[in-house]
Amino acid sequence: MFFRYSCSIRYINSKKIPAFEVIESHPDNLTTVVLRGPVESEGFETKHFCEIVIASSIDEECEEILFELEKLFNDSGQESCIVDQSFKLKSGKELDAMRPSSFPESFKSVILSIQENIAKIAKDTIAVFRWRMNLSDFSETTTLRRFEWSRDQSVWNHFNYVLFSPIFHITEILDPIKLPKDEIDEILSKSMKEPVYHELFRESWELRFKNPRSSIVIGISAAEVAMKECIASLVPHAQWLAEEAPTPPLIAMMKNYLPLLPTKNKFNAEVLAPPKSIRRDIGEGVELRNKVVHVGRQAPSYGGLEKILLSVKDFLWLIDYYRGYTWSLDYIRDETLAEMGVNKNC
């Protein structure tokens, strides 16, 4: 049986992204993921869509229920909604198509499990796209655009009772001509995900106005997690120490230990420490975080907080670069690279 799921990606910026298709292999099914802009008939200027088709095996009773529902669609001439009719299963049990509560719990469990699985694929795909394209100000709610099933992908039928599913909001988009489809495909095909330190940074950035104290705490945590994940990924036998054991101060690690790591990317055969300005800003952030957490001090002014967070962001992209994501160099500020003596255009 095939299941199709569609959720919205909302941009405040109305630039459209070109559609691209990803084929992902999963243990029990083949999944097609499409990110696309709206077609003219949909009329949405600031929405894009993630559509997923997944082939999934279901048990005989579930297939029977879906077959009967499809017959109701065909008999009523309504393909997009469930009509007010009842039907009987081979077992003799009568179900009401307009009352999902009458359906067997086993059926609802299977369908909801499939929906949750597809929703996770959508979330992971969009997260990778957002990470690779450096899209900020991400938030998430739980709304569904469409969830359907089909026996042969020629006729699709709606589920009318599945109420919640992710809708994604993204407020920036790079020049669509630069969309690196092949790189995004590769990231997804290897089941890689957006690093958790980027998720933490985004939370921190969103909180900088309404809760600056939480913002500085989470922002510095993002830098610390990035340092630990970098060590764990580049020195596998040190993973436990990096993740579990207390570590030296972050600034000392950035200056003295990072250049010793066997990184996947280098600058003219060298592993450079973050420049002095980045270490200074993040060092100030560490002190402020400690005072907020341990003394209850007020958060810094917005200007001071933003300066610290922008330096954290540069550091995260530098960590990505050293972990092998060459494209992340594009997102480090020019002034930071200049201080490191790096020209990314060379």
C-alpha atoms as a PDB file:
ATOM      1  CA  MET A   1       0.000   0.000   0.000  1.00  0.00           C
ATOM      2  CA  PHE A   2       1.210   3.531  -0.743  1.00  0.00           C
ATOM      3  CA  PHE A   3       0.854   6.471   1.627  1.00  0.00           C
ATOM      4  CA  ARG A   4       1.349  10.109   0.702  1.00  0.00           C
ATOM      5  CA  TYR A   5       2.001  12.899   3.160  1.00  0.00           C
ATOM      6  CA  SER A   6       2.225  16.624   2.494  1.00  0.00           C
ATOM      7  CA  CYS A   7       3.230  19.413   4.851  1.00  0.00           C
ATOM      8  CA  SER A   8       3.867  23.107   4.359  1.00  0.00           C
ATOM      9  CA  ILE A   9       7.179  24.935   4.476  1.00  0.00           C
ATOM     10  CA  ARG A  10       6.346  28.580   5.019  1.00  0.00           C
ATOM     11  CA  TYR A  11       8.735  31.351   4.002  1.00  0.00           C
ATOM     12  CA  ILE A  12       8.332  34.995   4.927  1.00  0.00           C
ATOM     13  CA  ASN A  13      10.646  35.541   1.985  1.00  0.00           C
ATOM     14  CA  SER A  14       8.630  34.601  -1.089  1.00  0.00           C
ATOM     15  CA  LYS A  15      11.518  33.378  -3.255  1.00  0.00           C
ATOM     16  CA  LYS A  16      10.670  29.972  -4.601  1.00  0.00           C
ATOM     17  CA  ILE A  17      12.871  26.924  -4.438  1.00  0.00           C
ATOM     18  CA  PRO A  18      13.054  24.578  -7.396  1.00  0.00           C
ATOM     19  CA  ALA A  19      11.555  21.153  -6.863  1.00  0.00           C
ATOM     20  CA  PHE A  20      13.891  18.271  -6.313  1.00  0.00           C
ATOM     21  CA  GLU A  21      13.283  14.618  -5.594  1.00  0.00           C
ATOM     22  CA  VAL A  22      15.118  12.343  -3.197  1.00  0.00           C
ATOM     23  CA  ILE A  23      14.870   8.567  -3.173  1.00  0.00           C
ATOM     24  CA  GLU A  24      15.598   7.203   0.251  1.00  0.00           C
ATOM     25  CA  SER A  25      15.956   3.555   1.159  1.00  0.00           C
ATOM     26  CA  HIS A  26      14.508   2.408   4.447  1.00  0.00           C
ATOM     27  CA  PRO A  27      14.458  -1.102   5.921  1.00  0.00           C
ATOM     28  CA  ASP A  28      10.870  -1.946   4.994  1.00  0.00           C
ATOM     29  CA  ASN A  29       9.995   0.431   2.214  1.00  0.00           C
ATOM     30  CA  LEU A  30      11.089   2.809  -0.525  1.00  0.00           C
ATOM     31  CA  THR A  31      10.447   6.458   0.113  1.00  0.00           C
ATOM     32  CA  THR A  32      10.227   9.361  -2.324  1.00  0.00           C
ATOM     33  CA  VAL A  33      10.667  12.838  -0.890  1.00  0.00           C
ATOM     34  CA  VAL A  34       9.909  15.971  -2.919  1.00  0.00           C
ATOM     35  CA  LEU A  35      10.508  19.579  -1.885  1.00  0.00           C
ATOM     36  CA  ARG A  36       8.761  21.999  -4.210  1.00  0.00           C
ATOM     37  CA  GLY A  37       7.241  25.425  -4.556  1.00  0.00           C
ATOM     38  CA  PRO A  38       3.515  25.976  -5.148  1.00  0.00           C
ATOM     39  CA  VAL A  39       2.013  25.522  -8.580  1.00  0.00           C
ATOM     40  CA  GLU A  40      -0.080  28.341 -10.009  1.00  0.00           C
ATOM     41  CA  SER A  41      -3.379  26.666  -9.119  1.00  0.00           C
ATOM     42  CA  GLU A  42      -2.387  26.517  -5.436  1.00  0.00           C
ATOM     43  CA  GLY A  43      -1.914  30.260  -5.311  1.00  0.00           C
ATOM     44  CA  PHE A  44       0.451  30.331  -2.333  1.00  0.00           C
ATOM     45  CA  GLU A  45       3.254  32.845  -2.767  1.00  0.00           C
ATOM     46  CA  THR A  46       4.974  32.230   0.564  1.00  0.00           C
ATOM     47  CA  LYS A  47       4.461  28.496   1.035  1.00  0.00           C
ATOM     48  CA  HIS A  48       6.466  25.577  -0.224  1.00  0.00           C
ATOM     49  CA  PHE A  49       5.718  21.931   0.269  1.00  0.00           C
ATOM     50  CA  CYS A  50       7.366  18.718   1.335  1.00  0.00           C
ATOM     51  CA  GLU A  51       5.608  15.717  -0.170  1.00  0.00           C
ATOM     52  CA  ILE A  52       6.473  12.146   0.673  1.00  0.00           C
ATOM     53  CA  VAL A  53       5.281   8.877  -0.822  1.00  0.00           C
ATOM     54  CA  ILE A  54       6.064   5.735   1.114  1.00  0.00           C
ATOM     55  CA  ALA A  55       5.336   2.086   0.287  1.00  0.00           C
ATOM     56  CA  SER A  56       4.427   0.151   3.401  1.00  0.00           C
ATOM     57  CA  SER A  57       3.071  -3.333   4.063  1.00  0.00           C
ATOM     58  CA  ILE A  58      -0.012  -3.541   6.265  1.00  0.00           C
ATOM     59  CA  ASP A  59      -2.013  -6.487   7.569  1.00  0.00           C
ATOM     60  CA  GLU A  60      -5.036  -8.015   5.843  1.00  0.00           C
ATOM     61  CA  GLU A  61      -7.652  -6.317   8.022  1.00  0.00           C
ATOM     62  CA  CYS A  62      -6.121  -2.883   7.448  1.00  0.00           C
ATOM     63  CA  GLU A  63      -6.078  -3.499   3.710  1.00  0.00           C
ATOM     64  CA  GLU A  64      -9.727  -4.533   3.824  1.00  0.00           C
ATOM     65  CA  ILE A  65     -10.738  -1.372   5.668  1.00  0.00           C
ATOM     66  CA  LEU A  66      -8.898   0.857   3.205  1.00  0.00           C
ATOM     67  CA  PHE A  67     -10.407  -1.055   0.265  1.00  0.00           C
ATOM     68  CA  GLU A  68     -13.928  -0.541   1.636  1.00  0.00           C
ATOM     69  CA  LEU A  69     -13.286   3.138   2.227  1.00  0.00           C
ATOM     70  CA  GLU A  70     -12.035   3.505  -1.314  1.00  0.00           C
ATOM     71  CA  LYS A  71     -15.210   1.862  -2.618  1.00  0.00           C
ATOM     72  CA  LEU A  72     -17.228   4.443  -0.697  1.00  0.00           C
ATOM     73  CA  PHE A  73     -15.266   7.192  -2.424  1.00  0.00           C
ATOM     74  CA  ASN A  74     -15.906   5.679  -5.833  1.00  0.00           C
ATOM     75  CA  ASP A  75     -19.581   4.998  -5.174  1.00  0.00           C
ATOM     76  CA  SER A  76     -20.201   8.542  -3.965  1.00  0.00           C
ATOM     77  CA  GLY A  77     -18.025  10.237  -6.569  1.00  0.00           C
ATOM     78  CA  GLN A  78     -16.106  12.001  -3.808  1.00  0.00           C
ATOM     79  CA  GLU A  79     -12.416  11.257  -3.848  1.00  0.00           C
ATOM     80  CA  SER A  80     -11.240  13.787  -1.308  1.00  0.00           C
ATOM     81  CA  CYS A  81     -13.436  13.155   1.721  1.00  0.00           C
ATOM     82  CA  ILE A  82     -15.020  10.249   3.531  1.00  0.00           C
ATOM     83  CA  VAL A  83     -18.779  10.072   3.112  1.00  0.00           C
ATOM     84  CA  ASP A  84     -21.415   9.289   5.680  1.00  0.00           C
ATOM     85  CA  GLN A  85     -21.769   5.547   5.134  1.00  0.00           C
ATOM     86  CA  SER A  86     -21.185   2.331   7.029  1.00  0.00           C
ATOM     87  CA  PHE A  87     -19.698  -0.913   5.827  1.00  0.00           C
ATOM     88  CA  LYS A  88     -19.062  -4.400   7.131  1.00  0.00           C
ATOM     89  CA  LEU A  89     -15.820  -6.316   7.321  1.00  0.00           C
ATOM     90  CA  LYS A  90     -15.552 -10.015   6.516  1.00  0.00           C
ATOM     91  CA  SER A  91     -15.503 -10.624  10.251  1.00  0.00           C
ATOM     92  CA  GLY A  92     -18.997  -9.116  10.463  1.00  0.00           C
ATOM     93  CA  LYS A  93     -17.945  -6.007  12.340  1.00  0.00           C
ATOM     94  CA  GLU A  94     -19.703  -2.854  11.123  1.00  0.00           C
ATOM     95  CA  LEU A  95     -17.721   0.361  10.801  1.00  0.00           C
ATOM     96  CA  ASP A  96     -18.924   3.911  10.280  1.00  0.00           C
ATOM     97  CA  ALA A  97     -16.737   5.812   7.841  1.00  0.00           C
ATOM     98  CA  MET A  98     -17.624   9.085   9.574  1.00  0.00           C
ATOM     99  CA  ARG A  99     -16.799   7.801  13.054  1.00  0.00           C
ATOM    100  CA  PRO A 100     -13.119   6.864  13.324  1.00  0.00           C
ATOM    101  CA  SER A 101     -13.814   5.784  16.901  1.00  0.00           C
ATOM    102  CA  SER A 102     -15.673   2.792  15.436  1.00  0.00           C
ATOM    103  CA  PHE A 103     -12.507   1.577  13.700  1.00  0.00           C
ATOM    104  CA  PRO A 104     -10.409  -1.154  15.365  1.00  0.00           C
ATOM    105  CA  GLU A 105      -7.634   0.171  17.569  1.00  0.00           C
ATOM    106  CA  SER A 106      -5.198  -2.027  15.668  1.00  0.00           C
ATOM    107  CA  PHE A 107      -6.076  -0.213  12.425  1.00  0.00           C
ATOM    108  CA  LYS A 108      -5.714   3.245  13.959  1.00  0.00           C
ATOM    109  CA  SER A 109      -2.426   2.223  15.534  1.00  0.00           C
ATOM    110  CA  VAL A 110      -1.007   1.038  12.188  1.00  0.00           C
ATOM    111  CA  ILE A 111      -2.093   4.142  10.291  1.00  0.00           C
ATOM    112  CA  LEU A 112      -0.907   6.552  12.966  1.00  0.00           C
ATOM    113  CA  SER A 113       2.407   4.706  13.155  1.00  0.00           C
ATOM    114  CA  ILE A 114       2.858   5.128   9.409  1.00  0.00           C
ATOM    115  CA  GLN A 115       1.939   8.798   9.655  1.00  0.00           C
ATOM    116  CA  GLU A 116       4.405   9.364  12.490  1.00  0.00           C
ATOM    117  CA  ASN A 117       7.115   7.609  10.516  1.00  0.00           C
ATOM    118  CA  ILE A 118       6.486   9.769   7.436  1.00  0.00           C
ATOM    119  CA  ALA A 119       6.289  12.920   9.567  1.00  0.00           C
ATOM    120  CA  LYS A 120       9.722  12.107  10.978  1.00  0.00           C
ATOM    121  CA  ILE A 121      11.117  11.624   7.468  1.00  0.00           C
ATOM    122  CA  ALA A 122       9.653  15.014   6.503  1.00  0.00           C
ATOM    123  CA  LYS A 123      11.104  16.688   9.567  1.00  0.00           C
ATOM    124  CA  ASP A 124      14.557  15.157   9.021  1.00  0.00           C
ATOM    125  CA  THR A 125      14.552  16.053   5.322  1.00  0.00           C
ATOM    126  CA  ILE A 126      13.579  19.661   5.951  1.00  0.00           C
ATOM    127  CA  ALA A 127      16.078  19.910   8.814  1.00  0.00           C
ATOM    128  CA  VAL A 128      18.892  18.778   6.517  1.00  0.00           C
ATOM    129  CA  PHE A 129      17.748  21.232   3.832  1.00  0.00           C
ATOM    130  CA  ARG A 130      17.552  24.029   6.401  1.00  0.00           C
ATOM    131  CA  TRP A 131      21.007  23.185   7.791  1.00  0.00           C
ATOM    132  CA  ARG A 132      22.683  22.905   4.383  1.00  0.00           C
ATOM    133  CA  MET A 133      21.098  26.134   3.118  1.00  0.00           C
ATOM    134  CA  ASN A 134      21.771  28.040   6.365  1.00  0.00           C
ATOM    135  CA  LEU A 135      18.131  28.951   7.008  1.00  0.00           C
ATOM    136  CA  SER A 136      17.436  30.566  10.375  1.00  0.00           C
ATOM    137  CA  ASP A 137      14.427  31.447  12.560  1.00  0.00           C
ATOM    138  CA  PHE A 138      12.918  27.982  12.435  1.00  0.00           C
ATOM    139  CA  SER A 139       9.816  27.091  14.399  1.00  0.00           C
ATOM    140  CA  GLU A 140       7.458  24.172  14.311  1.00  0.00           C
ATOM    141  CA  THR A 141       3.757  23.628  14.923  1.00  0.00           C
ATOM    142  CA  THR A 142       1.556  20.559  14.428  1.00  0.00           C
ATOM    143  CA  THR A 143      -0.757  20.882  11.439  1.00  0.00           C
ATOM    144  CA  LEU A 144      -1.405  18.561   8.530  1.00  0.00           C
ATOM    145  CA  ARG A 145      -1.889  19.605   4.916  1.00  0.00           C
ATOM    146  CA  ARG A 146      -2.722  16.194   3.493  1.00  0.00           C
ATOM    147  CA  PHE A 147      -2.366  12.497   4.377  1.00  0.00           C
ATOM    148  CA  GLU A 148      -3.597   9.950   1.823  1.00  0.00           C
ATOM    149  CA  TRP A 149      -3.381   6.349   0.718  1.00  0.00           C
ATOM    150  CA  SER A 150      -3.505   4.558  -2.626  1.00  0.00           C
ATOM    151  CA  ARG A 151      -3.233   0.999  -3.875  1.00  0.00           C
ATOM    152  CA  ASP A 152      -1.485   1.935  -7.123  1.00  0.00           C
ATOM    153  CA  GLN A 153      -0.638   5.683  -6.868  1.00  0.00           C
ATOM    154  CA  SER A 154      -3.192   6.511  -9.564  1.00  0.00           C
ATOM    155  CA  VAL A 155      -6.076   7.436  -7.228  1.00  0.00           C
ATOM    156  CA  TRP A 156      -5.395   8.972  -3.833  1.00  0.00           C
ATOM    157  CA  ASN A 157      -7.849   8.931  -0.913  1.00  0.00           C
ATOM    158  CA  HIS A 158      -7.774  11.213   2.120  1.00  0.00           C
ATOM    159  CA  PHE A 159      -7.705  10.210   5.754  1.00  0.00           C
ATOM    160  CA  ASN A 160     -10.116  12.574   7.447  1.00  0.00           C
ATOM    161  CA  TYR A 161      -9.369  11.939  11.093  1.00  0.00           C
ATOM    162  CA  VAL A 162      -5.610  12.326  11.415  1.00  0.00           C
ATOM    163  CA  LEU A 163      -5.446  15.711  13.082  1.00  0.00           C
ATOM    164  CA  PHE A 164      -1.835  16.563  13.755  1.00  0.00           C
ATOM    165  CA  SER A 165       1.307  16.667  11.684  1.00  0.00           C
ATOM    166  CA  PRO A 166       4.261  19.054  11.354  1.00  0.00           C
ATOM    167  CA  ILE A 167       4.150  22.349   9.502  1.00  0.00           C
ATOM    168  CA  PHE A 168       7.497  24.081   9.112  1.00  0.00           C
ATOM    169  CA  HIS A 169       8.292  27.797   9.047  1.00  0.00           C
ATOM    170  CA  ILE A 170      11.470  29.062   7.392  1.00  0.00           C
ATOM    171  CA  THR A 171      12.062  32.784   7.002  1.00  0.00           C
ATOM    172  CA  GLU A 172      15.053  32.941   4.655  1.00  0.00           C
ATOM    173  CA  ILE A 173      16.072  31.232   1.439  1.00  0.00           C
ATOM    174  CA  LEU A 174      19.260  31.495  -0.556  1.00  0.00           C
ATOM    175  CA  ASP A 175      19.348  32.150  -4.272  1.00  0.00           C
ATOM    176  CA  PRO A 176      17.458  29.124  -5.667  1.00  0.00           C
ATOM    177  CA  ILE A 177      19.983  28.824  -8.495  1.00  0.00           C
ATOM    178  CA  LYS A 178      22.542  27.776  -5.881  1.00  0.00           C
ATOM    179  CA  LEU A 179      20.432  24.937  -4.507  1.00  0.00           C
ATOM    180  CA  PRO A 180      22.946  22.091  -3.965  1.00  0.00           C
ATOM    181  CA  LYS A 181      20.600  19.213  -4.774  1.00  0.00           C
ATOM    182  CA  ASP A 182      23.352  16.602  -5.062  1.00  0.00           C
ATOM    183  CA  GLU A 183      24.795  17.470  -1.672  1.00  0.00           C
ATOM    184  CA  ILE A 184      21.403  17.389   0.033  1.00  0.00           C
ATOM    185  CA  ASP A 185      20.653  14.051  -1.650  1.00  0.00           C
ATOM    186  CA  GLU A 186      23.955  12.668  -0.382  1.00  0.00           C
ATOM    187  CA  ILE A 187      23.349  13.845   3.178  1.00  0.00           C
ATOM    188  CA  LEU A 188      19.893  12.253   3.215  1.00  0.00           C
ATOM    189  CA  SER A 189      21.026   9.028   1.511  1.00  0.00           C
ATOM    190  CA  LYS A 190      23.601   8.523   4.275  1.00  0.00           C
ATOM    191  CA  SER A 191      20.913   9.076   6.930  1.00  0.00           C
ATOM    192  CA  MET A 192      22.862  12.052   8.275  1.00  0.00           C
ATOM    193  CA  LYS A 193      20.982  14.668  10.258  1.00  0.00           C
ATOM    194  CA  GLU A 194      21.411  18.270  11.168  1.00  0.00           C
ATOM    195  CA  PRO A 195      23.877  18.463  14.090  1.00  0.00           C
ATOM    196  CA  VAL A 196      22.185  19.033  17.411  1.00  0.00           C
ATOM    197  CA  TYR A 197      24.394  22.060  18.097  1.00  0.00           C
ATOM    198  CA  HIS A 198      22.753  23.872  15.166  1.00  0.00           C
ATOM    199  CA  GLU A 199      19.332  23.073  16.633  1.00  0.00           C
ATOM    200  CA  LEU A 200      20.471  24.493  19.968  1.00  0.00           C
ATOM    201  CA  PHE A 201      21.831  27.610  18.289  1.00  0.00           C
ATOM    202  CA  ARG A 202      18.550  28.228  16.495  1.00  0.00           C
ATOM    203  CA  GLU A 203      16.678  27.989  19.799  1.00  0.00           C
ATOM    204  CA  SER A 204      19.139  30.448  21.292  1.00  0.00           C
ATOM    205  CA  TRP A 205      18.791  32.871  18.385  1.00  0.00           C
ATOM    206  CA  GLU A 206      14.988  32.797  18.573  1.00  0.00           C
ATOM    207  CA  LEU A 207      15.096  33.598  22.304  1.00  0.00           C
ATOM    208  CA  ARG A 208      17.482  36.554  22.052  1.00  0.00           C
ATOM    209  CA  PHE A 209      14.659  39.111  22.309  1.00  0.00           C
ATOM    210  CA  LYS A 210      12.069  37.544  24.588  1.00  0.00           C
ATOM    211  CA  ASN A 211      14.357  35.609  26.935  1.00  0.00           C
ATOM    212  CA  PRO A 212      17.990  36.729  26.621  1.00  0.00           C
ATOM    213  CA  ARG A 213      19.124  34.816  29.705  1.00  0.00           C
ATOM    214  CA  SER A 214      17.949  31.533  28.245  1.00  0.00           C
ATOM    215  CA  SER A 215      19.433  32.598  24.926  1.00  0.00           C
ATOM    216  CA  ILE A 216      22.972  33.005  26.315  1.00  0.00           C
ATOM    217  CA  VAL A 217      22.756  29.726  28.253  1.00  0.00           C
ATOM    218  CA  ILE A 218      21.616  27.709  25.233  1.00  0.00           C
ATOM    219  CA  GLY A 219      23.958  29.516  22.844  1.00  0.00           C
ATOM    220  CA  ILE A 220      27.073  28.687  24.848  1.00  0.00           C
ATOM    221  CA  SER A 221      25.819  25.138  25.288  1.00  0.00           C
ATOM    222  CA  ALA A 222      25.643  24.888  21.492  1.00  0.00           C
ATOM    223  CA  ALA A 223      29.336  25.812  21.243  1.00  0.00           C
ATOM    224  CA  GLU A 224      30.283  23.284  23.927  1.00  0.00           C
ATOM    225  CA  VAL A 225      28.263  20.519  22.274  1.00  0.00           C
ATOM    226  CA  ALA A 226      29.869  21.347  18.919  1.00  0.00           C
ATOM    227  CA  MET A 227      33.357  20.977  20.401  1.00  0.00           C
ATOM    228  CA  LYS A 228      32.455  17.616  21.945  1.00  0.00           C
ATOM    229  CA  GLU A 229      30.771  16.292  18.810  1.00  0.00           C
ATOM    230  CA  CYS A 230      33.762  17.328  16.728  1.00  0.00           C
ATOM    231  CA  ILE A 231      36.117  15.359  18.972  1.00  0.00           C
ATOM    232  CA  ALA A 232      33.798  12.347  19.050  1.00  0.00           C
ATOM    233  CA  SER A 233      33.435  12.242  15.258  1.00  0.00           C
ATOM    234  CA  LEU A 234      37.114  12.800  14.417  1.00  0.00           C
ATOM    235  CA  VAL A 235      38.630  10.692  17.208  1.00  0.00           C
ATOM    236  CA  PRO A 236      36.191   7.768  17.602  1.00  0.00           C
ATOM    237  CA  HIS A 237      38.114   6.091  20.443  1.00  0.00           C
ATOM    238  CA  ALA A 238      37.725   9.321  22.438  1.00  0.00           C
ATOM    239  CA  GLN A 239      33.951   9.453  21.998  1.00  0.00           C
ATOM    240  CA  TRP A 240      33.133   8.376  25.555  1.00  0.00           C
ATOM    241  CA  LEU A 241      35.567  10.881  27.060  1.00  0.00           C
ATOM    242  CA  ALA A 242      34.286  13.658  24.816  1.00  0.00           C
ATOM    243  CA  GLU A 243      30.638  13.002  25.595  1.00  0.00           C
ATOM    244  CA  GLU A 244      30.712  11.844  29.231  1.00  0.00           C
ATOM    245  CA  ALA A 245      33.832  13.094  30.988  1.00  0.00           C
ATOM    246  CA  PRO A 246      34.273  16.667  32.245  1.00  0.00           C
ATOM    247  CA  THR A 247      36.206  18.655  29.660  1.00  0.00           C
ATOM    248  CA  PRO A 248      38.719  21.510  30.014  1.00  0.00           C
ATOM    249  CA  PRO A 249      37.423  25.071  29.549  1.00  0.00           C
ATOM    250  CA  LEU A 250      35.930  25.638  26.109  1.00  0.00           C
ATOM    251  CA  ILE A 251      38.251  28.497  25.122  1.00  0.00           C
ATOM    252  CA  ALA A 252      41.339  26.427  25.966  1.00  0.00           C
ATOM    253  CA  MET A 253      39.942  23.575  23.879  1.00  0.00           C
ATOM    254  CA  MET A 254      39.300  25.918  20.952  1.00  0.00           C
ATOM    255  CA  LYS A 255      42.793  27.417  21.074  1.00  0.00           C
ATOM    256  CA  ASN A 256      45.006  24.491  22.052  1.00  0.00           C
ATOM    257  CA  TYR A 257      43.226  21.210  21.294  1.00  0.00           C
ATOM    258  CA  LEU A 258      41.205  21.862  18.150  1.00  0.00           C
ATOM    259  CA  PRO A 259      44.341  22.454  15.997  1.00  0.00           C
ATOM    260  CA  LEU A 260      45.636  18.997  17.037  1.00  0.00           C
ATOM    261  CA  LEU A 261      42.614  17.070  15.733  1.00  0.00           C
ATOM    262  CA  PRO A 262      42.809  14.948  12.540  1.00  0.00           C
ATOM    263  CA  THR A 263      40.233  17.054  10.739  1.00  0.00           C
ATOM    264  CA  LYS A 264      38.747  16.119   7.360  1.00  0.00           C
ATOM    265  CA  ASN A 265      39.292  19.629   5.964  1.00  0.00           C
ATOM    266  CA  LYS A 266      42.249  21.931   6.548  1.00  0.00           C
ATOM    267  CA  PHE A 267      43.519  25.348   5.494  1.00  0.00           C
ATOM    268  CA  ASN A 268      46.715  24.890   3.501  1.00  0.00           C
ATOM    269  CA  ALA A 269      47.431  21.677   5.432  1.00  0.00           C
ATOM    270  CA  GLU A 270      46.825  23.433   8.759  1.00  0.00           C
ATOM    271  CA  VAL A 271      44.059  23.164  11.322  1.00  0.00           C
ATOM    272  CA  LEU A 272      43.523  26.718  12.481  1.00  0.00           C
ATOM    273  CA  ALA A 273      42.055  27.699  15.816  1.00  0.00           C
ATOM    274  CA  PRO A 274      39.121  30.103  15.765  1.00  0.00           C
ATOM    275  CA  PRO A 275      40.519  33.645  15.614  1.00  0.00           C
ATOM    276  CA  LYS A 276      41.100  35.747  18.683  1.00  0.00           C
ATOM    277  CA  SER A 277      37.899  37.797  18.260  1.00  0.00           C
ATOM    278  CA  ILE A 278      35.750  34.653  18.198  1.00  0.00           C
ATOM    279  CA  ARG A 279      37.472  33.215  21.254  1.00  0.00           C
ATOM    280  CA  ARG A 280      37.098  36.545  23.050  1.00  0.00           C
ATOM    281  CA  ASP A 281      33.378  36.845  22.301  1.00  0.00           C
ATOM    282  CA  ILE A 282      32.624  33.232  23.213  1.00  0.00           C
ATOM    283  CA  GLY A 283      34.786  33.597  26.333  1.00  0.00           C
ATOM    284  CA  GLU A 284      32.619  36.544  27.384  1.00  0.00           C
ATOM    285  CA  GLY A 285      29.602  34.391  26.664  1.00  0.00           C
ATOM    286  CA  VAL A 286      30.909  31.596  28.890  1.00  0.00           C
ATOM    287  CA  GLU A 287      31.415  34.056  31.770  1.00  0.00           C
ATOM    288  CA  LEU A 288      27.950  35.531  31.301  1.00  0.00           C
ATOM    289  CA  ARG A 289      26.369  32.069  31.106  1.00  0.00           C
ATOM    290  CA  ASN A 290      28.069  31.047  34.349  1.00  0.00           C
ATOM    291  CA  LYS A 291      26.916  34.202  36.128  1.00  0.00           C
ATOM    292  CA  VAL A 292      23.356  33.783  34.856  1.00  0.00           C
ATOM    293  CA  VAL A 293      23.244  30.142  35.959  1.00  0.00           C
ATOM    294  CA  HIS A 294      25.106  30.357  39.245  1.00  0.00           C
ATOM    295  CA  VAL A 295      24.532  33.932  40.430  1.00  0.00           C
ATOM    296  CA  GLY A 296      21.287  34.868  38.698  1.00  0.00           C
ATOM    297  CA  ARG A 297      22.821  37.827  36.907  1.00  0.00           C
ATOM    298  CA  GLN A 298      20.809  39.697  34.313  1.00  0.00           C
ATOM    299  CA  ALA A 299      21.491  38.896  30.678  1.00  0.00           C
ATOM    300  CA  PRO A 300      23.628  41.196  28.527  1.00  0.00           C
ATOM    301  CA  SER A 301      22.161  43.904  26.340  1.00  0.00           C
ATOM    302  CA  TYR A 302      20.808  42.845  22.980  1.00  0.00           C
ATOM    303  CA  GLY A 303      23.840  44.222  21.161  1.00  0.00           C
ATOM    304  CA  GLY A 304      26.260  42.341  23.413  1.00  0.00           C
ATOM    305  CA  LEU A 305      24.233  39.154  23.177  1.00  0.00           C
ATOM    306  CA  GLU A 306      23.996  39.262  19.396  1.00  0.00           C
ATOM    307  CA  LYS A 307      27.758  39.791  19.077  1.00  0.00           C
ATOM    308  CA  ILE A 308      28.376  36.687  21.174  1.00  0.00           C
ATOM    309  CA  LEU A 309      25.831  34.590  19.284  1.00  0.00           C
ATOM    310  CA  LEU A 310      27.193  35.573  15.879  1.00  0.00           C
ATOM    311  CA  SER A 311      30.637  34.436  17.018  1.00  0.00           C
ATOM    312  CA  VAL A 312      29.135  31.158  18.234  1.00  0.00           C
ATOM    313  CA  LYS A 313      27.522  30.720  14.826  1.00  0.00           C
ATOM    314  CA  ASP A 314      30.854  31.205  13.042  1.00  0.00           C
ATOM    315  CA  PHE A 315      32.416  28.655  15.382  1.00  0.00           C
ATOM    316  CA  LEU A 316      29.698  26.085  14.615  1.00  0.00           C
ATOM    317  CA  TRP A 317      30.242  26.471  10.866  1.00  0.00           C
ATOM    318  CA  LEU A 318      34.003  26.115  11.398  1.00  0.00           C
ATOM    319  CA  ILE A 319      33.361  22.875  13.290  1.00  0.00           C
ATOM    320  CA  ASP A 320      31.226  21.657  10.385  1.00  0.00           C
ATOM    321  CA  TYR A 321      34.060  22.488   7.992  1.00  0.00           C
ATOM    322  CA  TYR A 322      36.553  20.495  10.033  1.00  0.00           C
ATOM    323  CA  ARG A 323      34.102  17.579  10.193  1.00  0.00           C
ATOM    324  CA  GLY A 324      34.090  17.388   6.397  1.00  0.00           C
ATOM    325  CA  TYR A 325      31.300  19.709   5.279  1.00  0.00           C
ATOM    326  CA  THR A 326      33.323  21.911   2.943  1.00  0.00           C
ATOM    327  CA  TRP A 327      30.310  24.021   1.974  1.00  0.00           C
ATOM    328  CA  SER A 328      29.964  25.339   5.527  1.00  0.00           C
ATOM    329  CA  LEU A 329      32.845  27.705   4.811  1.00  0.00           C
ATOM    330  CA  ASP A 330      30.395  29.793   2.757  1.00  0.00           C
ATOM    331  CA  TYR A 331      28.476  30.673   5.920  1.00  0.00           C
ATOM    332  CA  ILE A 332      31.380  31.949   8.024  1.00  0.00           C
ATOM    333  CA  ARG A 333      31.563  35.746   8.029  1.00  0.00           C
ATOM    334  CA  ASP A 334      34.201  37.265   5.782  1.00  0.00           C
ATOM    335  CA  GLU A 335      35.764  39.218   8.645  1.00  0.00           C
ATOM    336  CA  THR A 336      36.233  36.019  10.638  1.00  0.00           C
ATOM    337  CA  LEU A 337      37.940  34.260   7.745  1.00  0.00           C
ATOM    338  CA  ALA A 338      40.094  37.323   7.082  1.00  0.00           C
ATOM    339  CA  GLU A 339      41.285  37.265  10.685  1.00  0.00           C
ATOM    340  CA  MET A 340      42.244  33.632  10.151  1.00  0.00           C
ATOM    341  CA  GLY A 341      44.079  34.547   6.963  1.00  0.00           C
ATOM    342  CA  VAL A 342      41.632  32.533   4.837  1.00  0.00           C
ATOM    343  CA  ASN A 343      40.211  33.608   1.489  1.00  0.00           C
ATOM    344  CA  LYS A 344      37.284  31.309   0.716  1.00  0.00           C
ATOM    345  CA  ASN A 345      37.272  32.396  -2.926  1.00  0.00           C
ATOM    346  CA  CYS A 346      40.729  30.973  -3.531  1.00  0.00           C
END
